[in-house]
C-alpha atoms as a PDB file:
ATOM      1  CA  MET A   1     -45.816  19.251  12.419  1.00  0.00           C
ATOM      2  CA  GLU A   2     -49.248  18.465  13.853  1.00  0.00           C
ATOM      3  CA  ARG A   3     -48.525  20.551  16.958  1.00  0.00           C
ATOM      4  CA  ALA A   4     -46.855  23.346  15.009  1.00  0.00           C
ATOM      5  CA  LEU A   5     -49.801  23.768  12.636  1.00  0.00           C
ATOM      6  CA  TYR A   6     -52.827  22.806  14.713  1.00  0.00           C
ATOM      7  CA  GLY A   7     -51.794  22.582  18.377  1.00  0.00           C
ATOM      8  CA  PRO A   8     -52.294  25.334  20.979  1.00  0.00           C
ATOM      9  CA  GLY A   9     -51.092  28.550  19.361  1.00  0.00           C
ATOM     10  CA  GLY A  10     -50.441  26.645  16.108  1.00  0.00           C
ATOM     11  CA  PHE A  11     -49.826  28.449  12.855  1.00  0.00           C
ATOM     12  CA  PHE A  12     -53.211  27.758  11.244  1.00  0.00           C
ATOM     13  CA  LEU A  13     -55.154  28.525  14.409  1.00  0.00           C
ATOM     14  CA  ARG A  14     -53.888  32.102  14.477  1.00  0.00           C
ATOM     15  CA  GLU A  15     -53.054  32.851  10.823  1.00  0.00           C
ATOM     16  CA  ARG A  16     -55.122  32.993   7.627  1.00  0.00           C
ATOM     17  CA  PRO A  17     -53.466  31.369   4.582  1.00  0.00           C
ATOM     18  CA  ALA A  18     -54.001  34.450   2.401  1.00  0.00           C
ATOM     19  CA  GLY A  19     -51.553  36.361   4.587  1.00  0.00           C
ATOM     20  CA  HIS A  20     -48.697  34.002   3.758  1.00  0.00           C
ATOM     21  CA  PHE A  21     -49.178  32.412   0.344  1.00  0.00           C
ATOM     22  CA  ARG A  22     -51.322  32.874  -2.741  1.00  0.00           C
ATOM     23  CA  THR A  23     -53.648  30.074  -3.788  1.00  0.00           C
ATOM     24  CA  SER A  24     -55.782  29.786  -6.911  1.00  0.00           C
ATOM     25  CA  VAL A  25     -58.713  31.014  -4.826  1.00  0.00           C
ATOM     26  CA  HIS A  26     -56.969  34.336  -4.214  1.00  0.00           C
ATOM     27  CA  VAL A  27     -55.724  34.794  -7.782  1.00  0.00           C
ATOM     28  CA  SER A  28     -59.097  35.212  -9.459  1.00  0.00           C
ATOM     29  CA  ARG A  29     -62.844  34.902  -8.962  1.00  0.00           C
ATOM     30  CA  LEU A  30     -62.728  32.741 -12.103  1.00  0.00           C
ATOM     31  CA  TYR A  31     -61.574  29.875  -9.910  1.00  0.00           C
ATOM     32  CA  ALA A  32     -64.737  30.046  -7.825  1.00  0.00           C
ATOM     33  CA  ASP A  33     -66.736  30.348 -11.058  1.00  0.00           C
ATOM     34  CA  ALA A  34     -65.190  27.084 -12.294  1.00  0.00           C
ATOM     35  CA  VAL A  35     -65.894  25.305  -8.990  1.00  0.00           C
ATOM     36  CA  ALA A  36     -69.481  26.570  -9.146  1.00  0.00           C
ATOM     37  CA  GLU A  37     -69.790  25.082 -12.634  1.00  0.00           C
ATOM     38  CA  LEU A  38     -68.477  21.776 -11.295  1.00  0.00           C
ATOM     39  CA  LEU A  39     -71.029  21.888  -8.477  1.00  0.00           C
ATOM     40  CA  CYS A  40     -73.784  22.415 -11.062  1.00  0.00           C
ATOM     41  CA  ARG A  41     -72.592  19.360 -12.999  1.00  0.00           C
ATOM     42  CA  VAL A  42     -72.622  17.303  -9.815  1.00  0.00           C
ATOM     43  CA  ASP A  43     -76.118  18.607  -9.094  1.00  0.00           C
ATOM     44  CA  THR A  44     -77.317  17.434 -12.506  1.00  0.00           C
ATOM     45  CA  ALA A  45     -75.649  14.031 -12.122  1.00  0.00           C
ATOM     46  CA  LEU A  46     -77.371  13.548  -8.748  1.00  0.00           C
ATOM     47  CA  GLY A  47     -80.772  14.454 -10.149  1.00  0.00           C
ATOM     48  CA  HIS A  48     -81.035  17.865  -8.445  1.00  0.00           C
ATOM     49  CA  PRO A  49     -81.392  16.799  -4.799  1.00  0.00           C
ATOM     50  CA  ALA A  50     -83.544  18.909  -2.469  1.00  0.00           C
ATOM     51  CA  GLU A  51     -80.403  19.826  -0.485  1.00  0.00           C
ATOM     52  CA  LEU A  52     -77.122  20.083  -2.379  1.00  0.00           C
ATOM     53  CA  ALA A  53     -73.988  20.270  -0.213  1.00  0.00           C
ATOM     54  CA  PHE A  54     -70.861  22.199  -1.071  1.00  0.00           C
ATOM     55  CA  THR A  55     -68.091  21.406   1.412  1.00  0.00           C
ATOM     56  CA  ASP A  56     -64.960  23.570   1.317  1.00  0.00           C
ATOM     57  CA  MET A  57     -62.206  21.694   3.182  1.00  0.00           C
ATOM     58  CA  ALA A  58     -59.488  23.834   4.832  1.00  0.00           C
ATOM     59  CA  ALA A  59     -61.569  26.894   4.078  1.00  0.00           C
ATOM     60  CA  GLY A  60     -59.098  29.496   5.383  1.00  0.00           C
ATOM     61  CA  GLY A  61     -61.057  32.738   5.288  1.00  0.00           C
ATOM     62  CA  GLY A  62     -64.047  31.163   3.534  1.00  0.00           C
ATOM     63  CA  GLU A  63     -63.240  32.948   0.276  1.00  0.00           C
ATOM     64  CA  LEU A  64     -63.921  29.976  -2.002  1.00  0.00           C
ATOM     65  CA  CYS A  65     -67.199  29.087  -0.304  1.00  0.00           C
ATOM     66  CA  ALA A  66     -68.440  32.672  -0.599  1.00  0.00           C
ATOM     67  CA  GLY A  67     -67.268  32.935  -4.209  1.00  0.00           C
ATOM     68  CA  VAL A  68     -69.038  29.740  -5.227  1.00  0.00           C
ATOM     69  CA  LEU A  69     -72.285  30.946  -3.640  1.00  0.00           C
ATOM     70  CA  ASP A  70     -72.055  34.213  -5.578  1.00  0.00           C
ATOM     71  CA  ALA A  71     -71.364  32.400  -8.872  1.00  0.00           C
ATOM     72  CA  LEU A  72     -74.196  29.871  -8.725  1.00  0.00           C
ATOM     73  CA  PRO A  73     -77.421  30.304 -10.683  1.00  0.00           C
ATOM     74  CA  ALA A  74     -80.223  31.398  -8.355  1.00  0.00           C
ATOM     75  CA  ALA A  75     -82.154  28.155  -8.777  1.00  0.00           C
ATOM     76  CA  VAL A  76     -79.159  26.100  -7.650  1.00  0.00           C
ATOM     77  CA  ALA A  77     -78.078  28.499  -4.901  1.00  0.00           C
ATOM     78  CA  ALA A  78     -81.520  28.182  -3.336  1.00  0.00           C
ATOM     79  CA  ARG A  79     -80.879  24.469  -2.713  1.00  0.00           C
ATOM     80  CA  VAL A  80     -77.204  24.649  -1.742  1.00  0.00           C
ATOM     81  CA  ARG A  81     -76.075  24.070   1.825  1.00  0.00           C
ATOM     82  CA  PRO A  82     -72.504  25.455   2.011  1.00  0.00           C
ATOM     83  CA  TYR A  83     -70.037  24.221   4.630  1.00  0.00           C
ATOM     84  CA  ALA A  84     -66.650  25.802   5.337  1.00  0.00           C
ATOM     85  CA  VAL A  85     -64.496  23.296   7.228  1.00  0.00           C
ATOM     86  CA  ASP A  86     -61.550  24.669   9.180  1.00  0.00           C
ATOM     87  CA  LEU A  87     -60.068  24.477  12.681  1.00  0.00           C
ATOM     88  CA  ALA A  88     -59.572  28.237  12.918  1.00  0.00           C
ATOM     89  CA  PRO A  89     -62.340  30.513  14.282  1.00  0.00           C
ATOM     90  CA  ARG A  90     -65.082  31.688  11.930  1.00  0.00           C
ATOM     91  CA  PRO A  91     -64.023  34.885  10.128  1.00  0.00           C
ATOM     92  CA  ALA A  92     -65.950  38.040  10.885  1.00  0.00           C
ATOM     93  CA  GLY A  93     -68.359  39.090   8.161  1.00  0.00           C
ATOM     94  CA  LEU A  94     -68.620  35.686   6.481  1.00  0.00           C
ATOM     95  CA  ASP A  95     -71.872  35.102   4.587  1.00  0.00           C
ATOM     96  CA  PRO A  96     -74.372  33.871   7.201  1.00  0.00           C
ATOM     97  CA  ARG A  97     -75.594  31.167   4.823  1.00  0.00           C
ATOM     98  CA  ILE A  98     -72.250  29.369   5.274  1.00  0.00           C
ATOM     99  CA  THR A  99     -72.016  26.827   8.076  1.00  0.00           C
ATOM    100  CA  TRP A 100     -68.581  26.955   9.741  1.00  0.00           C
ATOM    101  CA  ALA A 101     -67.508  23.543  11.046  1.00  0.00           C
ATOM    102  CA  ALA A 102     -64.469  21.580  12.236  1.00  0.00           C
ATOM    103  CA  GLU A 103     -65.438  18.477  10.225  1.00  0.00           C
ATOM    104  CA  PRO A 104     -67.323  17.854   6.985  1.00  0.00           C
ATOM    105  CA  PRO A 105     -71.028  17.058   7.348  1.00  0.00           C
ATOM    106  CA  PRO A 106     -71.900  13.345   7.278  1.00  0.00           C
ATOM    107  CA  ASP A 107     -74.002  11.702   4.554  1.00  0.00           C
ATOM    108  CA  ALA A 108     -73.918  14.769   2.306  1.00  0.00           C
ATOM    109  CA  HIS A 109     -75.031  14.808  -1.342  1.00  0.00           C
ATOM    110  CA  GLY A 110     -72.900  17.102  -3.454  1.00  0.00           C
ATOM    111  CA  LEU A 111     -69.309  18.300  -3.952  1.00  0.00           C
ATOM    112  CA  LEU A 112     -66.475  18.200  -1.425  1.00  0.00           C
ATOM    113  CA  PHE A 113     -63.608  20.428  -2.576  1.00  0.00           C
ATOM    114  CA  ALA A 114     -60.249  20.468  -0.766  1.00  0.00           C
ATOM    115  CA  ASN A 115     -58.009  23.211  -2.144  1.00  0.00           C
ATOM    116  CA  GLU A 116     -54.487  22.910  -0.684  1.00  0.00           C
ATOM    117  CA  TRP A 117     -55.540  20.857   2.323  1.00  0.00           C
ATOM    118  CA  LEU A 118     -53.713  17.537   2.018  1.00  0.00           C
ATOM    119  CA  ASP A 119     -50.293  19.200   1.733  1.00  0.00           C
ATOM    120  CA  ASN A 120     -50.825  20.343   5.345  1.00  0.00           C
ATOM    121  CA  VAL A 121     -51.904  16.921   6.628  1.00  0.00           C
ATOM    122  CA  PRO A 122     -48.709  15.939   8.495  1.00  0.00           C
ATOM    123  CA  PRO A 123     -46.757  13.014   7.020  1.00  0.00           C
ATOM    124  CA  ALA A 124     -43.979  11.088   8.695  1.00  0.00           C
ATOM    125  CA  VAL A 125     -40.641  11.650   6.941  1.00  0.00           C
ATOM    126  CA  ALA A 126     -38.298   8.748   6.181  1.00  0.00           C
ATOM    127  CA  GLU A 127     -34.763   8.436   4.850  1.00  0.00           C
ATOM    128  CA  ALA A 128     -32.748   5.430   3.732  1.00  0.00           C
ATOM    129  CA  ASP A 129     -29.361   5.364   5.485  1.00  0.00           C
ATOM    130  CA  GLU A 130     -26.097   4.372   3.806  1.00  0.00           C
ATOM    131  CA  ASP A 131     -26.839   0.699   4.464  1.00  0.00           C
ATOM    132  CA  GLY A 132     -30.289   0.982   2.893  1.00  0.00           C
ATOM    133  CA  ALA A 133     -32.200   0.777   6.182  1.00  0.00           C
ATOM    134  CA  VAL A 134     -35.238   3.093   6.049  1.00  0.00           C
ATOM    135  CA  ARG A 135     -35.491   5.225   9.189  1.00  0.00           C
ATOM    136  CA  TYR A 136     -37.803   7.926  10.458  1.00  0.00           C
ATOM    137  CA  VAL A 137     -36.390  11.448  10.368  1.00  0.00           C
ATOM    138  CA  GLU A 138     -36.692  13.072  13.795  1.00  0.00           C
ATOM    139  CA  VAL A 139     -36.655  16.840  14.226  1.00  0.00           C
ATOM    140  CA  ARG A 140     -35.994  19.201  17.122  1.00  0.00           C
ATOM    141  CA  PRO A 141     -38.881  21.712  17.184  1.00  0.00           C
ATOM    142  CA  ALA A 142     -36.801  24.572  18.572  1.00  0.00           C
ATOM    143  CA  ASP A 143     -34.445  24.888  15.611  1.00  0.00           C
ATOM    144  CA  GLY A 144     -35.225  22.179  13.021  1.00  0.00           C
ATOM    145  CA  GLU A 145     -32.119  20.097  13.755  1.00  0.00           C
ATOM    146  CA  GLU A 146     -32.627  16.583  12.332  1.00  0.00           C
ATOM    147  CA  ARG A 147     -31.411  13.069  13.030  1.00  0.00           C
ATOM    148  CA  LEU A 148     -32.286   9.565  11.876  1.00  0.00           C
ATOM    149  CA  GLY A 149     -34.342   7.562  14.351  1.00  0.00           C
ATOM    150  CA  ALA A 150     -35.930   4.124  14.480  1.00  0.00           C
ATOM    151  CA  GLU A 151     -36.392   1.927  11.436  1.00  0.00           C
ATOM    152  CA  VAL A 152     -39.684   2.278   9.626  1.00  0.00           C
ATOM    153  CA  GLY A 153     -41.904  -0.786   9.854  1.00  0.00           C
ATOM    154  CA  GLY A 154     -45.485  -1.974   9.651  1.00  0.00           C
ATOM    155  CA  ALA A 155     -48.014  -0.061   7.578  1.00  0.00           C
ATOM    156  CA  ASP A 156     -45.612   2.852   6.956  1.00  0.00           C
ATOM    157  CA  LEU A 157     -43.000   0.542   5.443  1.00  0.00           C
ATOM    158  CA  ALA A 158     -45.634  -1.224   3.368  1.00  0.00           C
ATOM    159  CA  TRP A 159     -46.771   2.163   2.030  1.00  0.00           C
ATOM    160  CA  LEU A 160     -43.216   3.127   1.090  1.00  0.00           C
ATOM    161  CA  ARG A 161     -42.559  -0.164  -0.676  1.00  0.00           C
ATOM    162  CA  ARG A 162     -45.728   0.266  -2.734  1.00  0.00           C
ATOM    163  CA  TRP A 163     -45.704   3.983  -3.386  1.00  0.00           C
ATOM    164  CA  TRP A 164     -42.218   5.464  -2.761  1.00  0.00           C
ATOM    165  CA  PRO A 165     -39.306   2.956  -2.725  1.00  0.00           C
ATOM    166  CA  LEU A 166     -36.089   4.530  -1.437  1.00  0.00           C
ATOM    167  CA  GLU A 167     -32.460   4.148  -2.440  1.00  0.00           C
ATOM    168  CA  PRO A 168     -29.686   4.863   0.127  1.00  0.00           C
ATOM    169  CA  GLY A 169     -29.544   8.599   0.863  1.00  0.00           C
ATOM    170  CA  ALA A 170     -33.012   9.288  -0.530  1.00  0.00           C
ATOM    171  CA  ARG A 171     -35.881  10.732   1.483  1.00  0.00           C
ATOM    172  CA  ALA A 172     -39.681  10.480   1.320  1.00  0.00           C
ATOM    173  CA  GLU A 173     -42.803  11.804   2.963  1.00  0.00           C
ATOM    174  CA  ILE A 174     -44.951   8.829   3.953  1.00  0.00           C
ATOM    175  CA  GLY A 175     -48.388   9.536   2.498  1.00  0.00           C
ATOM    176  CA  ARG A 176     -50.385   7.044   4.537  1.00  0.00           C
ATOM    177  CA  SER A 177     -51.796   9.809   6.753  1.00  0.00           C
ATOM    178  CA  ARG A 178     -52.972  11.700   3.656  1.00  0.00           C
ATOM    179  CA  ASP A 179     -54.576   8.568   2.200  1.00  0.00           C
ATOM    180  CA  GLU A 180     -56.489   8.001   5.435  1.00  0.00           C
ATOM    181  CA  ALA A 181     -57.528  11.662   5.701  1.00  0.00           C
ATOM    182  CA  TRP A 182     -58.743  11.652   2.114  1.00  0.00           C
ATOM    183  CA  ALA A 183     -60.684   8.414   2.549  1.00  0.00           C
ATOM    184  CA  ALA A 184     -62.419   9.921   5.589  1.00  0.00           C
ATOM    185  CA  ALA A 185     -63.220  13.209   3.844  1.00  0.00           C
ATOM    186  CA  ALA A 186     -64.535  11.570   0.679  1.00  0.00           C
ATOM    187  CA  GLY A 187     -66.386   9.086   2.860  1.00  0.00           C
ATOM    188  CA  SER A 188     -68.417  11.930   4.382  1.00  0.00           C
ATOM    189  CA  LEU A 189     -70.330  12.052   1.098  1.00  0.00           C
ATOM    190  CA  ALA A 190     -73.296   9.746   0.680  1.00  0.00           C
ATOM    191  CA  ALA A 191     -73.281  10.657  -3.016  1.00  0.00           C
ATOM    192  CA  GLY A 192     -71.295  13.046  -5.156  1.00  0.00           C
ATOM    193  CA  LEU A 193     -67.721  13.964  -6.042  1.00  0.00           C
ATOM    194  CA  ALA A 194     -64.674  14.719  -3.886  1.00  0.00           C
ATOM    195  CA  VAL A 195     -61.790  16.767  -5.331  1.00  0.00           C
ATOM    196  CA  ALA A 196     -58.381  17.350  -3.724  1.00  0.00           C
ATOM    197  CA  VAL A 197     -56.287  20.108  -5.310  1.00  0.00           C
ATOM    198  CA  ASP A 198     -52.582  20.340  -4.490  1.00  0.00           C
ATOM    199  CA  TYR A 199     -49.049  20.269  -5.778  1.00  0.00           C
ATOM    200  CA  CYS A 200     -48.608  16.546  -6.317  1.00  0.00           C
ATOM    201  CA  HIS A 201     -46.367  13.848  -7.763  1.00  0.00           C
ATOM    202  CA  VAL A 202     -46.840  10.294  -8.998  1.00  0.00           C
ATOM    203  CA  LEU A 203     -44.725   7.146  -8.690  1.00  0.00           C
ATOM    204  CA  ALA A 204     -42.689   7.661 -11.853  1.00  0.00           C
ATOM    205  CA  GLU A 205     -41.746  11.212 -10.812  1.00  0.00           C
ATOM    206  CA  ARG A 206     -41.137  11.118  -7.046  1.00  0.00           C
ATOM    207  CA  PRO A 207     -38.602  13.753  -5.919  1.00  0.00           C
ATOM    208  CA  PRO A 208     -35.506  11.973  -4.558  1.00  0.00           C
ATOM    209  CA  TYR A 209     -35.178  14.124  -1.430  1.00  0.00           C
ATOM    210  CA  GLY A 210     -38.824  14.856  -0.616  1.00  0.00           C
ATOM    211  CA  THR A 211     -40.597  18.216  -0.703  1.00  0.00           C
ATOM    212  CA  LEU A 212     -41.126  19.285   2.916  1.00  0.00           C
ATOM    213  CA  THR A 213     -40.647  23.046   3.278  1.00  0.00           C
ATOM    214  CA  GLY A 214     -41.956  26.112   5.109  1.00  0.00           C
ATOM    215  CA  TYR A 215     -43.608  29.391   4.094  1.00  0.00           C
ATOM    216  CA  ARG A 216     -43.966  32.642   5.964  1.00  0.00           C
ATOM    217  CA  ALA A 217     -45.259  35.969   4.604  1.00  0.00           C
ATOM    218  CA  GLY A 218     -44.888  34.814   1.004  1.00  0.00           C
ATOM    219  CA  ARG A 219     -41.321  33.548   1.384  1.00  0.00           C
ATOM    220  CA  GLN A 220     -39.969  30.018   1.505  1.00  0.00           C
ATOM    221  CA  VAL A 221     -38.260  29.288   4.824  1.00  0.00           C
ATOM    222  CA  PRO A 222     -36.707  26.217   6.502  1.00  0.00           C
ATOM    223  CA  PRO A 223     -39.414  23.826   7.784  1.00  0.00           C
ATOM    224  CA  VAL A 224     -38.844  24.376  11.492  1.00  0.00           C
ATOM    225  CA  PRO A 225     -41.887  22.994  13.399  1.00  0.00           C
ATOM    226  CA  ASP A 226     -42.011  25.756  16.012  1.00  0.00           C
ATOM    227  CA  GLY A 227     -45.373  27.225  14.979  1.00  0.00           C
ATOM    228  CA  SER A 228     -43.865  30.229  13.208  1.00  0.00           C
ATOM    229  CA  CYS A 229     -44.537  29.127   9.619  1.00  0.00           C
ATOM    230  CA  ASP A 230     -46.667  27.030   7.316  1.00  0.00           C
ATOM    231  CA  LEU A 231     -45.285  23.509   6.877  1.00  0.00           C
ATOM    232  CA  THR A 232     -46.155  21.808   3.607  1.00  0.00           C
ATOM    233  CA  ALA A 233     -45.183  18.801   1.499  1.00  0.00           C
ATOM    234  CA  HIS A 234     -46.431  17.757  -1.924  1.00  0.00           C
ATOM    235  CA  VAL A 235     -48.988  14.946  -2.158  1.00  0.00           C
ATOM    236  CA  ALA A 236     -48.584  11.480  -3.670  1.00  0.00           C
ATOM    237  CA  ALA A 237     -51.740  11.827  -5.760  1.00  0.00           C
ATOM    238  CA  ASP A 238     -51.709   8.301  -7.143  1.00  0.00           C
ATOM    239  CA  SER A 239     -51.865   6.735  -3.676  1.00  0.00           C
ATOM    240  CA  LEU A 240     -55.069   8.565  -2.682  1.00  0.00           C
ATOM    241  CA  PRO A 241     -57.847   5.951  -2.547  1.00  0.00           C
ATOM    242  CA  GLY A 242     -60.219   6.116  -5.489  1.00  0.00           C
ATOM    243  CA  ALA A 243     -58.591   9.200  -7.007  1.00  0.00           C
ATOM    244  CA  THR A 244     -57.744   9.955 -10.633  1.00  0.00           C
ATOM    245  CA  PRO A 245     -55.116  12.718 -10.985  1.00  0.00           C
ATOM    246  CA  VAL A 246     -55.786  15.414 -13.611  1.00  0.00           C
ATOM    247  CA  PRO A 247     -53.731  18.598 -14.199  1.00  0.00           C
ATOM    248  CA  GLN A 248     -55.461  21.774 -13.028  1.00  0.00           C
ATOM    249  CA  ARG A 249     -55.076  23.353 -16.454  1.00  0.00           C
ATOM    250  CA  THR A 250     -56.976  20.441 -18.003  1.00  0.00           C
ATOM    251  CA  ALA A 251     -59.767  20.473 -15.414  1.00  0.00           C
ATOM    252  CA  LEU A 252     -60.275  24.236 -15.570  1.00  0.00           C
ATOM    253  CA  ARG A 253     -60.409  24.264 -19.365  1.00  0.00           C
ATOM    254  CA  ALA A 254     -62.992  21.476 -19.244  1.00  0.00           C
ATOM    255  CA  LEU A 255     -65.031  23.704 -16.935  1.00  0.00           C
ATOM    256  CA  GLY A 256     -65.001  26.518 -19.473  1.00  0.00           C
ATOM    257  CA  LEU A 257     -62.027  28.589 -18.356  1.00  0.00           C
ATOM    258  CA  ALA A 258     -60.395  30.139 -21.419  1.00  0.00           C
ATOM    259  CA  ALA A 259     -57.204  32.177 -21.538  1.00  0.00           C
ATOM    260  CA  ALA A 260     -57.669  33.446 -25.119  1.00  0.00           C
ATOM    261  CA  ARG A 261     -57.205  37.192 -25.635  1.00  0.00           C
ATOM    262  CA  PRO A 262     -60.364  39.082 -26.597  1.00  0.00           C
ATOM    263  CA  PRO A 263     -60.587  40.297 -30.225  1.00  0.00           C
ATOM    264  CA  LEU A 264     -58.991  43.685 -30.837  1.00  0.00           C
ATOM    265  CA  ALA A 265     -62.162  44.866 -32.549  1.00  0.00           C
ATOM    266  CA  LEU A 266     -63.835  44.843 -29.128  1.00  0.00           C
ATOM    267  CA  ALA A 267     -61.360  47.493 -27.946  1.00  0.00           C
ATOM    268  CA  THR A 268     -62.809  49.937 -30.471  1.00  0.00           C
ATOM    269  CA  ALA A 269     -66.445  48.940 -30.159  1.00  0.00           C
ATOM    270  CA  GLU A 270     -66.607  48.532 -26.366  1.00  0.00           C
ATOM    271  CA  PRO A 271     -63.376  49.655 -24.641  1.00  0.00           C
ATOM    272  CA  ALA A 272     -64.569  48.900 -21.096  1.00  0.00           C
ATOM    273  CA  ALA A 273     -65.715  45.410 -22.080  1.00  0.00           C
ATOM    274  CA  TYR A 274     -62.357  44.829 -23.787  1.00  0.00           C
ATOM    275  CA  VAL A 275     -60.443  45.802 -20.635  1.00  0.00           C
ATOM    276  CA  ARG A 276     -62.591  43.449 -18.528  1.00  0.00           C
ATOM    277  CA  ALA A 277     -62.144  40.595 -20.992  1.00  0.00           C
ATOM    278  CA  LEU A 278     -58.393  41.188 -21.177  1.00  0.00           C
ATOM    279  CA  ALA A 279     -58.101  41.090 -17.375  1.00  0.00           C
ATOM    280  CA  ALA A 280     -60.097  37.848 -17.257  1.00  0.00           C
ATOM    281  CA  SER A 281     -57.853  36.361 -19.918  1.00  0.00           C
ATOM    282  CA  GLY A 282     -54.770  37.187 -17.849  1.00  0.00           C
ATOM    283  CA  GLU A 283     -56.288  35.656 -14.729  1.00  0.00           C
ATOM    284  CA  ALA A 284     -57.252  32.505 -16.627  1.00  0.00           C
ATOM    285  CA  ALA A 285     -53.707  32.268 -17.971  1.00  0.00           C
ATOM    286  CA  ALA A 286     -52.308  32.490 -14.432  1.00  0.00           C
ATOM    287  CA  LEU A 287     -54.609  29.701 -13.212  1.00  0.00           C
ATOM    288  CA  THR A 288     -53.612  27.378 -16.055  1.00  0.00           C
ATOM    289  CA  ALA A 289     -49.946  28.307 -16.560  1.00  0.00           C
ATOM    290  CA  ARG A 290     -47.285  25.644 -16.904  1.00  0.00           C
ATOM    291  CA  GLY A 291     -44.644  26.049 -14.220  1.00  0.00           C
ATOM    292  CA  GLY A 292     -47.230  27.738 -12.013  1.00  0.00           C
ATOM    293  CA  LEU A 293     -50.756  27.143 -10.785  1.00  0.00           C
ATOM    294  CA  GLY A 294     -51.602  25.084 -13.846  1.00  0.00           C
ATOM    295  CA  ASP A 295     -49.218  22.427 -12.526  1.00  0.00           C
ATOM    296  CA  PHE A 296     -51.492  21.738  -9.570  1.00  0.00           C
ATOM    297  CA  THR A 297     -53.218  18.362  -9.650  1.00  0.00           C
ATOM    298  CA  TRP A 298     -56.926  17.753  -9.189  1.00  0.00           C
ATOM    299  CA  ALA A 299     -57.393  14.311  -7.605  1.00  0.00           C
ATOM    300  CA  LEU A 300     -60.933  13.355  -8.620  1.00  0.00           C
ATOM    301  CA  THR A 301     -62.795  10.836  -6.470  1.00  0.00           C
ATOM    302  CA  PRO A 302     -66.356  10.020  -7.526  1.00  0.00           C
ATOM    303  CA  VAL A 303     -68.226   8.597  -4.546  1.00  0.00           C
ATOM    304  CA  THR A 304     -71.120   7.284  -6.637  1.00  0.00           C
ATOM    305  CA  ALA A 305     -71.362   5.992 -10.188  1.00  0.00           C
ATOM    306  CA  ALA A 306     -73.572   8.954 -11.098  1.00  0.00           C
ATOM    307  CA  CYS A 307     -70.591  11.294 -10.699  1.00  0.00           C
ATOM    308  CA  ALA A 308     -68.015   9.103 -12.447  1.00  0.00           C
ATOM    309  CA  GLY A 309     -69.008  10.742 -15.710  1.00  0.00           C
ATOM    310  CA  VAL A 310     -68.543  14.199 -14.178  1.00  0.00           C
ATOM    311  CA  ALA A 311     -64.993  13.269 -13.159  1.00  0.00           C
ATOM    312  CA  ALA A 312     -64.263  11.737 -16.561  1.00  0.00           C
ATOM    313  CA  GLY A 313     -65.410  14.948 -18.228  1.00  0.00           C
ATOM    314  CA  LEU A 314     -62.629  16.901 -16.516  1.00  0.00           C
ATOM    315  CA  GLY A 315     -59.836  14.705 -17.847  1.00  0.00           C
END
């Protein structure tokens, strides 16, 4: 999976996510507006530092970073240092204020926001055989053919026992690599808040056969690790160090996103304003919908006590 996504000629080194699947970022500018509001709350909690970092992990085409910059009040935008972190080349035409980087900046003060990043951090896959022995699932990159390999041991087995116990025939994605990646990303902040947004699950609701799948051009496809498709698996949100899981719909509403229809009287008084408000209402509904984007989880990780209240205010 690592080679297929990020190796020479890998999927994410030659493709932009927007060409293959729709994220909250692409659904509506309201998402960037909400993230900008969160950045302002972090700014206030940190006492308005001279340089306020906004780090967009797995930035894709840089759309979220650019949208947040546009949505910020001028006084805050003047102090913001935006970073778009991605392994792909910098997109043409990206706002020159945005620093394009392969890793998050160290010792930053501000908000680190990872929208649909951890689901692409490769996990090992394990399955319990008919005797209950937990074994790694091995895959042939050419065609996706699978077989059971060596028994899982060490830190991987300890993770499974704590976070995803398996019955015979069941399968899991071992989230230890995601936990370590998240600890490193959040650890790049000297002060502030780190937020990971993804499809997630928790211990009481683990899927019995895992979630690994592929996407290409908007369609779900078999997860063949040949570089031809996105490979993704849901995240065990409760295992992420320091994180508190909150539904996206709850977090966005706490940030002021409302899906209420505008009053009909506005249609008569100001038809154009009514149409704009109605469109915004529909976009807000899409971002918070049950069974859709609203089911995403925001894993909130305050790095300093000053931002613990910011995180609590989203739940």
